[in-house]
Amino acid sequence: MSHWIYILYSNSADKYYVGETSDPGNRLKQHLDHHFKTNYTKIANDWHIKLEKEVTSKEDAVYLERFVKRMKSRSFIEKLIDNPTILEDILNKN
């Protein structure tokens, strides 16, 4: 079963959010509906997907999500959006 890493962006908050899921479209809807009451995405209502990258397993998606979050870098996230193949390089080095 495929899994995805995704990056959302909110214009009003000027923030990015990184997550993983098996269904990016449904997950975006959940974020917009504030399904996750304590989630960071409750700060805005205008999230949209900037990047969806399919990977072969949930483990790979979780690894990438944690890797990106550990970087704590807006510029790194923007580099990923511009060049998603960086995610493949990260997985290949894992």
PDB file of N, CA and C in Angstrom:
ATOM      1  N   MET A   1       0.836  -1.185   0.000  1.00  0.00           N
ATOM      2  CA  MET A   1       0.000   0.000   0.000  1.00  0.00           C
ATOM      3  C   MET A   1       0.883   1.252   0.000  1.00  0.00           C
ATOM      4  N   SER A   2       0.569   2.168  -0.859  1.00  0.00           N
ATOM      5  CA  SER A   2       1.348   3.398  -0.957  1.00  0.00           C
ATOM      6  C   SER A   2       1.120   4.298   0.247  1.00  0.00           C
ATOM      7  N   HIS A   3       2.109   5.090   0.504  1.00  0.00           N
ATOM      8  CA  HIS A   3       2.018   6.094   1.555  1.00  0.00           C
ATOM      9  C   HIS A   3       2.630   7.372   1.008  1.00  0.00           C
ATOM     10  N   TRP A   4       2.312   8.476   1.632  1.00  0.00           N
ATOM     11  CA  TRP A   4       2.728   9.782   1.123  1.00  0.00           C
ATOM     12  C   TRP A   4       3.306  10.640   2.232  1.00  0.00           C
ATOM     13  N   ILE A   5       4.293  11.445   1.883  1.00  0.00           N
ATOM     14  CA  ILE A   5       4.697  12.570   2.702  1.00  0.00           C
ATOM     15  C   ILE A   5       4.120  13.788   2.009  1.00  0.00           C
ATOM     16  N   TYR A   6       3.649  14.754   2.794  1.00  0.00           N
ATOM     17  CA  TYR A   6       3.060  15.938   2.183  1.00  0.00           C
ATOM     18  C   TYR A   6       3.492  17.186   2.940  1.00  0.00           C
ATOM     19  N   ILE A   7       3.476  18.289   2.224  1.00  0.00           N
ATOM     20  CA  ILE A   7       3.764  19.586   2.820  1.00  0.00           C
ATOM     21  C   ILE A   7       2.605  20.512   2.490  1.00  0.00           C
ATOM     22  N   LEU A   8       2.024  21.095   3.543  1.00  0.00           N
ATOM     23  CA  LEU A   8       0.949  22.065   3.387  1.00  0.00           C
ATOM     24  C   LEU A   8       1.510  23.455   3.626  1.00  0.00           C
ATOM     25  N   TYR A   9       0.831  24.443   3.043  1.00  0.00           N
ATOM     26  CA  TYR A   9       1.197  25.835   3.275  1.00  0.00           C
ATOM     27  C   TYR A   9      -0.056  26.661   3.504  1.00  0.00           C
ATOM     28  N   SER A  10       0.028  27.587   4.454  1.00  0.00           N
ATOM     29  CA  SER A  10      -1.053  28.533   4.726  1.00  0.00           C
ATOM     30  C   SER A  10      -0.559  29.937   4.403  1.00  0.00           C
ATOM     31  N   ASN A  11      -1.259  30.605   3.482  1.00  0.00           N
ATOM     32  CA  ASN A  11      -0.905  31.986   3.153  1.00  0.00           C
ATOM     33  C   ASN A  11      -1.151  32.915   4.333  1.00  0.00           C
ATOM     34  N   SER A  12      -2.280  32.729   5.022  1.00  0.00           N
ATOM     35  CA  SER A  12      -2.623  33.647   6.112  1.00  0.00           C
ATOM     36  C   SER A  12      -1.655  33.526   7.289  1.00  0.00           C
ATOM     37  N   ALA A  13      -1.208  32.326   7.584  1.00  0.00           N
ATOM     38  CA  ALA A  13      -0.264  32.119   8.686  1.00  0.00           C
ATOM     39  C   ALA A  13       1.189  32.209   8.218  1.00  0.00           C
ATOM     40  N   ASP A  14       1.397  32.113   6.891  1.00  0.00           N
ATOM     41  CA  ASP A  14       2.744  32.073   6.307  1.00  0.00           C
ATOM     42  C   ASP A  14       3.576  30.972   6.962  1.00  0.00           C
ATOM     43  N   LYS A  15       2.973  29.786   7.055  1.00  0.00           N
ATOM     44  CA  LYS A  15       3.609  28.636   7.702  1.00  0.00           C
ATOM     45  C   LYS A  15       3.459  27.395   6.841  1.00  0.00           C
ATOM     46  N   TYR A  16       4.398  26.462   7.055  1.00  0.00           N
ATOM     47  CA  TYR A  16       4.349  25.146   6.420  1.00  0.00           C
ATOM     48  C   TYR A  16       4.001  24.110   7.476  1.00  0.00           C
ATOM     49  N   TYR A  17       3.433  23.003   7.000  1.00  0.00           N
ATOM     50  CA  TYR A  17       3.165  21.857   7.863  1.00  0.00           C
ATOM     51  C   TYR A  17       3.572  20.608   7.098  1.00  0.00           C
ATOM     52  N   VAL A  18       4.276  19.707   7.760  1.00  0.00           N
ATOM     53  CA  VAL A  18       4.748  18.460   7.148  1.00  0.00           C
ATOM     54  C   VAL A  18       4.030  17.299   7.817  1.00  0.00           C
ATOM     55  N   GLY A  19       3.534  16.354   7.005  1.00  0.00           N
ATOM     56  CA  GLY A  19       2.864  15.184   7.548  1.00  0.00           C
ATOM     57  C   GLY A  19       3.012  13.988   6.633  1.00  0.00           C
ATOM     58  N   GLU A  20       2.426  12.869   7.069  1.00  0.00           N
ATOM     59  CA  GLU A  20       2.415  11.649   6.258  1.00  0.00           C
ATOM     60  C   GLU A  20       1.037  11.029   6.342  1.00  0.00           C
ATOM     61  N   THR A  21       0.648  10.337   5.265  1.00  0.00           N
ATOM     62  CA  THR A  21      -0.687   9.758   5.211  1.00  0.00           C
ATOM     63  C   THR A  21      -0.769   8.724   4.089  1.00  0.00           C
ATOM     64  N   SER A  22      -1.842   7.957   4.093  1.00  0.00           N
ATOM     65  CA  SER A  22      -2.115   7.050   2.976  1.00  0.00           C
ATOM     66  C   SER A  22      -3.093   7.692   1.992  1.00  0.00           C
ATOM     67  N   ASP A  23      -3.662   8.851   2.355  1.00  0.00           N
ATOM     68  CA  ASP A  23      -4.660   9.515   1.507  1.00  0.00           C
ATOM     69  C   ASP A  23      -4.519  11.043   1.633  1.00  0.00           C
ATOM     70  N   PRO A  24      -3.666  11.651   0.812  1.00  0.00           N
ATOM     71  CA  PRO A  24      -3.408  13.092   0.944  1.00  0.00           C
ATOM     72  C   PRO A  24      -4.650  13.968   0.802  1.00  0.00           C
ATOM     73  N   GLY A  25      -5.544  13.654  -0.117  1.00  0.00           N
ATOM     74  CA  GLY A  25      -6.742  14.466  -0.303  1.00  0.00           C
ATOM     75  C   GLY A  25      -7.626  14.478   0.926  1.00  0.00           C
ATOM     76  N   ASN A  26      -7.856  13.304   1.495  1.00  0.00           N
ATOM     77  CA  ASN A  26      -8.661  13.198   2.706  1.00  0.00           C
ATOM     78  C   ASN A  26      -7.963  13.876   3.879  1.00  0.00           C
ATOM     79  N   ARG A  27      -6.641  13.718   3.971  1.00  0.00           N
ATOM     80  CA  ARG A  27      -5.915  14.328   5.086  1.00  0.00           C
ATOM     81  C   ARG A  27      -5.999  15.851   5.023  1.00  0.00           C
ATOM     82  N   LEU A  28      -5.905  16.422   3.815  1.00  0.00           N
ATOM     83  CA  LEU A  28      -6.052  17.875   3.673  1.00  0.00           C
ATOM     84  C   LEU A  28      -7.430  18.311   4.165  1.00  0.00           C
ATOM     85  N   LYS A  29      -8.459  17.568   3.771  1.00  0.00           N
ATOM     86  CA  LYS A  29      -9.823  17.883   4.217  1.00  0.00           C
ATOM     87  C   LYS A  29      -9.903  17.844   5.740  1.00  0.00           C
ATOM     88  N   GLN A  30      -9.276  16.846   6.358  1.00  0.00           N
ATOM     89  CA  GLN A  30      -9.285  16.747   7.822  1.00  0.00           C
ATOM     90  C   GLN A  30      -8.606  17.971   8.450  1.00  0.00           C
ATOM     91  N   HIS A  31      -7.490  18.404   7.871  1.00  0.00           N
ATOM     92  CA  HIS A  31      -6.814  19.592   8.400  1.00  0.00           C
ATOM     93  C   HIS A  31      -7.703  20.829   8.262  1.00  0.00           C
ATOM     94  N   LEU A  32      -8.332  20.982   7.110  1.00  0.00           N
ATOM     95  CA  LEU A  32      -9.188  22.154   6.885  1.00  0.00           C
ATOM     96  C   LEU A  32     -10.427  22.152   7.777  1.00  0.00           C
ATOM     97  N   ASP A  33     -10.930  20.951   8.103  1.00  0.00           N
ATOM     98  CA  ASP A  33     -12.097  20.818   8.988  1.00  0.00           C
ATOM     99  C   ASP A  33     -11.710  20.839  10.466  1.00  0.00           C
ATOM    100  N   HIS A  34     -10.416  20.981  10.752  1.00  0.00           N
ATOM    101  CA  HIS A  34      -9.884  20.956  12.123  1.00  0.00           C
ATOM    102  C   HIS A  34     -10.277  19.672  12.845  1.00  0.00           C
ATOM    103  N   HIS A  35     -10.218  18.573  12.103  1.00  0.00           N
ATOM    104  CA  HIS A  35     -10.511  17.246  12.648  1.00  0.00           C
ATOM    105  C   HIS A  35      -9.564  16.921  13.804  1.00  0.00           C
ATOM    106  N   PHE A  36      -8.305  17.367  13.672  1.00  0.00           N
ATOM    107  CA  PHE A  36      -7.297  17.129  14.702  1.00  0.00           C
ATOM    108  C   PHE A  36      -7.278  18.355  15.615  1.00  0.00           C
ATOM    109  N   LYS A  37      -7.994  18.296  16.717  1.00  0.00           N
ATOM    110  CA  LYS A  37      -8.239  19.472  17.559  1.00  0.00           C
ATOM    111  C   LYS A  37      -6.962  20.097  18.115  1.00  0.00           C
ATOM    112  N   THR A  38      -5.955  19.276  18.403  1.00  0.00           N
ATOM    113  CA  THR A  38      -4.731  19.810  18.993  1.00  0.00           C
ATOM    114  C   THR A  38      -3.628  19.988  17.956  1.00  0.00           C
ATOM    115  N   ASN A  39      -3.939  19.753  16.697  1.00  0.00           N
ATOM    116  CA  ASN A  39      -2.928  19.815  15.649  1.00  0.00           C
ATOM    117  C   ASN A  39      -2.527  21.253  15.344  1.00  0.00           C
ATOM    118  N   TYR A  40      -1.304  21.413  14.938  1.00  0.00           N
ATOM    119  CA  TYR A  40      -0.744  22.711  14.561  1.00  0.00           C
ATOM    120  C   TYR A  40      -1.568  23.415  13.492  1.00  0.00           C
ATOM    121  N   THR A  41      -2.191  22.652  12.610  1.00  0.00           N
ATOM    122  CA  THR A  41      -2.911  23.255  11.482  1.00  0.00           C
ATOM    123  C   THR A  41      -4.190  23.973  11.889  1.00  0.00           C
ATOM    124  N   LYS A  42      -4.563  23.916  13.166  1.00  0.00           N
ATOM    125  CA  LYS A  42      -5.766  24.636  13.603  1.00  0.00           C
ATOM    126  C   LYS A  42      -5.563  26.151  13.559  1.00  0.00           C
ATOM    127  N   ILE A  43      -4.317  26.608  13.370  1.00  0.00           N
ATOM    128  CA  ILE A  43      -4.026  28.045  13.357  1.00  0.00           C
ATOM    129  C   ILE A  43      -4.539  28.743  12.103  1.00  0.00           C
ATOM    130  N   ALA A  44      -4.942  27.973  11.077  1.00  0.00           N
ATOM    131  CA  ALA A  44      -5.371  28.601   9.820  1.00  0.00           C
ATOM    132  C   ALA A  44      -6.436  27.755   9.134  1.00  0.00           C
ATOM    133  N   ASN A  45      -7.122  28.379   8.168  1.00  0.00           N
ATOM    134  CA  ASN A  45      -8.178  27.695   7.411  1.00  0.00           C
ATOM    135  C   ASN A  45      -7.887  27.631   5.915  1.00  0.00           C
ATOM    136  N   ASP A  46      -6.702  28.059   5.524  1.00  0.00           N
ATOM    137  CA  ASP A  46      -6.407  28.138   4.082  1.00  0.00           C
ATOM    138  C   ASP A  46      -5.225  27.265   3.666  1.00  0.00           C
ATOM    139  N   TRP A  47      -5.074  26.114   4.313  1.00  0.00           N
ATOM    140  CA  TRP A  47      -3.987  25.195   3.966  1.00  0.00           C
ATOM    141  C   TRP A  47      -4.188  24.659   2.557  1.00  0.00           C
ATOM    142  N   HIS A  48      -3.098  24.534   1.834  1.00  0.00           N
ATOM    143  CA  HIS A  48      -3.141  23.870   0.533  1.00  0.00           C
ATOM    144  C   HIS A  48      -1.860  23.063   0.366  1.00  0.00           C
ATOM    145  N   ILE A  49      -1.950  22.046  -0.463  1.00  0.00           N
ATOM    146  CA  ILE A  49      -0.824  21.129  -0.649  1.00  0.00           C
ATOM    147  C   ILE A  49       0.214  21.769  -1.560  1.00  0.00           C
ATOM    148  N   LYS A  50       1.445  21.831  -1.054  1.00  0.00           N
ATOM    149  CA  LYS A  50       2.571  22.331  -1.846  1.00  0.00           C
ATOM    150  C   LYS A  50       3.394  21.173  -2.402  1.00  0.00           C
ATOM    151  N   LEU A  51       3.345  20.024  -1.705  1.00  0.00           N
ATOM    152  CA  LEU A  51       4.117  18.862  -2.149  1.00  0.00           C
ATOM    153  C   LEU A  51       3.427  17.597  -1.673  1.00  0.00           C
ATOM    154  N   GLU A  52       3.313  16.638  -2.582  1.00  0.00           N
ATOM    155  CA  GLU A  52       2.896  15.273  -2.256  1.00  0.00           C
ATOM    156  C   GLU A  52       3.936  14.366  -2.881  1.00  0.00           C
ATOM    157  N   LYS A  53       4.520  13.507  -2.078  1.00  0.00           N
ATOM    158  CA  LYS A  53       5.523  12.579  -2.604  1.00  0.00           C
ATOM    159  C   LYS A  53       5.150  11.172  -2.168  1.00  0.00           C
ATOM    160  N   GLU A  54       4.880  10.331  -3.139  1.00  0.00           N
ATOM    161  CA  GLU A  54       4.519   8.945  -2.842  1.00  0.00           C
ATOM    162  C   GLU A  54       5.780   8.150  -2.535  1.00  0.00           C
ATOM    163  N   VAL A  55       5.700   7.327  -1.496  1.00  0.00           N
ATOM    164  CA  VAL A  55       6.779   6.412  -1.137  1.00  0.00           C
ATOM    165  C   VAL A  55       6.195   5.009  -1.010  1.00  0.00           C
ATOM    166  N   THR A  56       7.065   4.024  -0.887  1.00  0.00           N
ATOM    167  CA  THR A  56       6.597   2.642  -0.948  1.00  0.00           C
ATOM    168  C   THR A  56       6.017   2.114   0.355  1.00  0.00           C
ATOM    169  N   SER A  57       6.308   2.767   1.490  1.00  0.00           N
ATOM    170  CA  SER A  57       5.823   2.222   2.760  1.00  0.00           C
ATOM    171  C   SER A  57       5.553   3.328   3.764  1.00  0.00           C
ATOM    172  N   LYS A  58       4.757   2.998   4.759  1.00  0.00           N
ATOM    173  CA  LYS A  58       4.491   3.935   5.855  1.00  0.00           C
ATOM    174  C   LYS A  58       5.792   4.257   6.584  1.00  0.00           C
ATOM    175  N   GLU A  59       6.645   3.257   6.739  1.00  0.00           N
ATOM    176  CA  GLU A  59       7.912   3.466   7.435  1.00  0.00           C
ATOM    177  C   GLU A  59       8.744   4.543   6.737  1.00  0.00           C
ATOM    178  N   ASP A  60       8.798   4.488   5.390  1.00  0.00           N
ATOM    179  CA  ASP A  60       9.547   5.504   4.636  1.00  0.00           C
ATOM    180  C   ASP A  60       8.915   6.881   4.812  1.00  0.00           C
ATOM    181  N   ALA A  61       7.588   6.942   4.780  1.00  0.00           N
ATOM    182  CA  ALA A  61       6.896   8.227   4.932  1.00  0.00           C
ATOM    183  C   ALA A  61       7.153   8.817   6.316  1.00  0.00           C
ATOM    184  N   VAL A  62       7.082   7.993   7.346  1.00  0.00           N
ATOM    185  CA  VAL A  62       7.317   8.466   8.713  1.00  0.00           C
ATOM    186  C   VAL A  62       8.771   8.915   8.861  1.00  0.00           C
ATOM    187  N   TYR A  63       9.696   8.151   8.284  1.00  0.00           N
ATOM    188  CA  TYR A  63      11.115   8.527   8.342  1.00  0.00           C
ATOM    189  C   TYR A  63      11.338   9.902   7.711  1.00  0.00           C
ATOM    190  N   LEU A  64      10.768  10.105   6.521  1.00  0.00           N
ATOM    191  CA  LEU A  64      10.935  11.391   5.840  1.00  0.00           C
ATOM    192  C   LEU A  64      10.282  12.528   6.619  1.00  0.00           C
ATOM    193  N   GLU A  65       9.081  12.284   7.131  1.00  0.00           N
ATOM    194  CA  GLU A  65       8.391  13.313   7.914  1.00  0.00           C
ATOM    195  C   GLU A  65       9.250  13.740   9.101  1.00  0.00           C
ATOM    196  N   ARG A  66       9.777  12.777   9.837  1.00  0.00           N
ATOM    197  CA  ARG A  66      10.598  13.093  11.001  1.00  0.00           C
ATOM    198  C   ARG A  66      11.897  13.786  10.596  1.00  0.00           C
ATOM    199  N   PHE A  67      12.491  13.337   9.501  1.00  0.00           N
ATOM    200  CA  PHE A  67      13.722  13.949   9.010  1.00  0.00           C
ATOM    201  C   PHE A  67      13.489  15.432   8.716  1.00  0.00           C
ATOM    202  N   VAL A  68      12.432  15.726   7.971  1.00  0.00           N
ATOM    203  CA  VAL A  68      12.141  17.108   7.588  1.00  0.00           C
ATOM    204  C   VAL A  68      11.826  17.946   8.829  1.00  0.00           C
ATOM    205  N   LYS A  69      11.032  17.418   9.742  1.00  0.00           N
ATOM    206  CA  LYS A  69      10.689  18.164  10.953  1.00  0.00           C
ATOM    207  C   LYS A  69      11.918  18.418  11.820  1.00  0.00           C
ATOM    208  N   ARG A  70      12.834  17.453  11.893  1.00  0.00           N
ATOM    209  CA  ARG A  70      14.059  17.639  12.681  1.00  0.00           C
ATOM    210  C   ARG A  70      14.941  18.750  12.118  1.00  0.00           C
ATOM    211  N   MET A  71      14.838  18.986  10.815  1.00  0.00           N
ATOM    212  CA  MET A  71      15.651  20.042  10.198  1.00  0.00           C
ATOM    213  C   MET A  71      15.235  21.429  10.697  1.00  0.00           C
ATOM    214  N   LYS A  72      13.971  21.576  11.077  1.00  0.00           N
ATOM    215  CA  LYS A  72      13.452  22.861  11.575  1.00  0.00           C
ATOM    216  C   LYS A  72      13.896  24.020  10.673  1.00  0.00           C
ATOM    217  N   SER A  73      13.715  23.821   9.368  1.00  0.00           N
ATOM    218  CA  SER A  73      14.228  24.798   8.417  1.00  0.00           C
ATOM    219  C   SER A  73      13.211  25.095   7.322  1.00  0.00           C
ATOM    220  N   ARG A  74      12.752  26.323   7.293  1.00  0.00           N
ATOM    221  CA  ARG A  74      11.847  26.766   6.244  1.00  0.00           C
ATOM    222  C   ARG A  74      12.539  26.688   4.879  1.00  0.00           C
ATOM    223  N   SER A  75      13.803  27.083   4.829  1.00  0.00           N
ATOM    224  CA  SER A  75      14.515  27.056   3.542  1.00  0.00           C
ATOM    225  C   SER A  75      14.678  25.624   3.039  1.00  0.00           C
ATOM    226  N   PHE A  76      14.881  24.661   3.948  1.00  0.00           N
ATOM    227  CA  PHE A  76      14.970  23.258   3.538  1.00  0.00           C
ATOM    228  C   PHE A  76      13.639  22.781   2.964  1.00  0.00           C
ATOM    229  N   ILE A  77      12.539  23.141   3.622  1.00  0.00           N
ATOM    230  CA  ILE A  77      11.210  22.765   3.128  1.00  0.00           C
ATOM    231  C   ILE A  77      10.976  23.357   1.743  1.00  0.00           C
ATOM    232  N   GLU A  78      11.358  24.606   1.553  1.00  0.00           N
ATOM    233  CA  GLU A  78      11.175  25.244   0.247  1.00  0.00           C
ATOM    234  C   GLU A  78      12.054  24.598  -0.822  1.00  0.00           C
ATOM    235  N   LYS A  79      13.245  24.122  -0.439  1.00  0.00           N
ATOM    236  CA  LYS A  79      14.095  23.379  -1.389  1.00  0.00           C
ATOM    237  C   LYS A  79      13.429  22.066  -1.794  1.00  0.00           C
ATOM    238  N   LEU A  80      12.795  21.391  -0.825  1.00  0.00           N
ATOM    239  CA  LEU A  80      12.084  20.142  -1.126  1.00  0.00           C
ATOM    240  C   LEU A  80      10.939  20.380  -2.093  1.00  0.00           C
ATOM    241  N   ILE A  81      10.210  21.473  -1.884  1.00  0.00           N
ATOM    242  CA  ILE A  81       9.086  21.800  -2.759  1.00  0.00           C
ATOM    243  C   ILE A  81       9.596  22.048  -4.181  1.00  0.00           C
ATOM    244  N   ASP A  82      10.711  22.758  -4.297  1.00  0.00           N
ATOM    245  CA  ASP A  82      11.295  23.052  -5.606  1.00  0.00           C
ATOM    246  C   ASP A  82      11.929  21.824  -6.256  1.00  0.00           C
ATOM    247  N   ASN A  83      12.425  20.899  -5.423  1.00  0.00           N
ATOM    248  CA  ASN A  83      13.132  19.730  -5.950  1.00  0.00           C
ATOM    249  C   ASN A  83      12.816  18.496  -5.099  1.00  0.00           C
ATOM    250  N   PRO A  84      11.650  17.869  -5.322  1.00  0.00           N
ATOM    251  CA  PRO A  84      11.232  16.723  -4.503  1.00  0.00           C
ATOM    252  C   PRO A  84      12.165  15.513  -4.586  1.00  0.00           C
ATOM    253  N   THR A  85      13.026  15.453  -5.593  1.00  0.00           N
ATOM    254  CA  THR A  85      13.945  14.301  -5.685  1.00  0.00           C
ATOM    255  C   THR A  85      14.915  14.257  -4.507  1.00  0.00           C
ATOM    256  N   ILE A  86      15.055  15.362  -3.784  1.00  0.00           N
ATOM    257  CA  ILE A  86      15.881  15.361  -2.572  1.00  0.00           C
ATOM    258  C   ILE A  86      15.369  14.304  -1.595  1.00  0.00           C
ATOM    259  N   LEU A  87      14.047  14.109  -1.549  1.00  0.00           N
ATOM    260  CA  LEU A  87      13.476  13.108  -0.647  1.00  0.00           C
ATOM    261  C   LEU A  87      13.948  11.702  -1.014  1.00  0.00           C
ATOM    262  N   GLU A  88      14.061  11.426  -2.302  1.00  0.00           N
ATOM    263  CA  GLU A  88      14.584  10.124  -2.726  1.00  0.00           C
ATOM    264  C   GLU A  88      16.024   9.956  -2.289  1.00  0.00           C
ATOM    265  N   ASP A  89      16.811  11.029  -2.404  1.00  0.00           N
ATOM    266  CA  ASP A  89      18.214  10.976  -1.966  1.00  0.00           C
ATOM    267  C   ASP A  89      18.304  10.677  -0.474  1.00  0.00           C
ATOM    268  N   ILE A  90      17.431  11.297   0.322  1.00  0.00           N
ATOM    269  CA  ILE A  90      17.420  11.065   1.766  1.00  0.00           C
ATOM    270  C   ILE A  90      17.095   9.592   2.054  1.00  0.00           C
ATOM    271  N   LEU A  91      16.099   9.058   1.364  1.00  0.00           N
ATOM    272  CA  LEU A  91      15.739   7.644   1.580  1.00  0.00           C
ATOM    273  C   LEU A  91      16.864   6.713   1.150  1.00  0.00           C
ATOM    274  N   ASN A  92      17.510   7.024   0.045  1.00  0.00           N
ATOM    275  CA  ASN A  92      18.599   6.168  -0.440  1.00  0.00           C
ATOM    276  C   ASN A  92      19.778   6.132   0.518  1.00  0.00           C
ATOM    277  N   LYS A  93      19.974   7.195   1.272  1.00  0.00           N
ATOM    278  CA  LYS A  93      21.072   7.254   2.247  1.00  0.00           C
ATOM    279  C   LYS A  93      20.697   6.616   3.576  1.00  0.00           C
ATOM    280  N   ASN A  94      19.419   6.344   3.769  1.00  0.00           N
ATOM    281  CA  ASN A  94      18.941   5.773   5.036  1.00  0.00           C
ATOM    282  C   ASN A  94      19.368   4.315   5.158  1.00  0.00           C
TER     283      ASN A  94
END
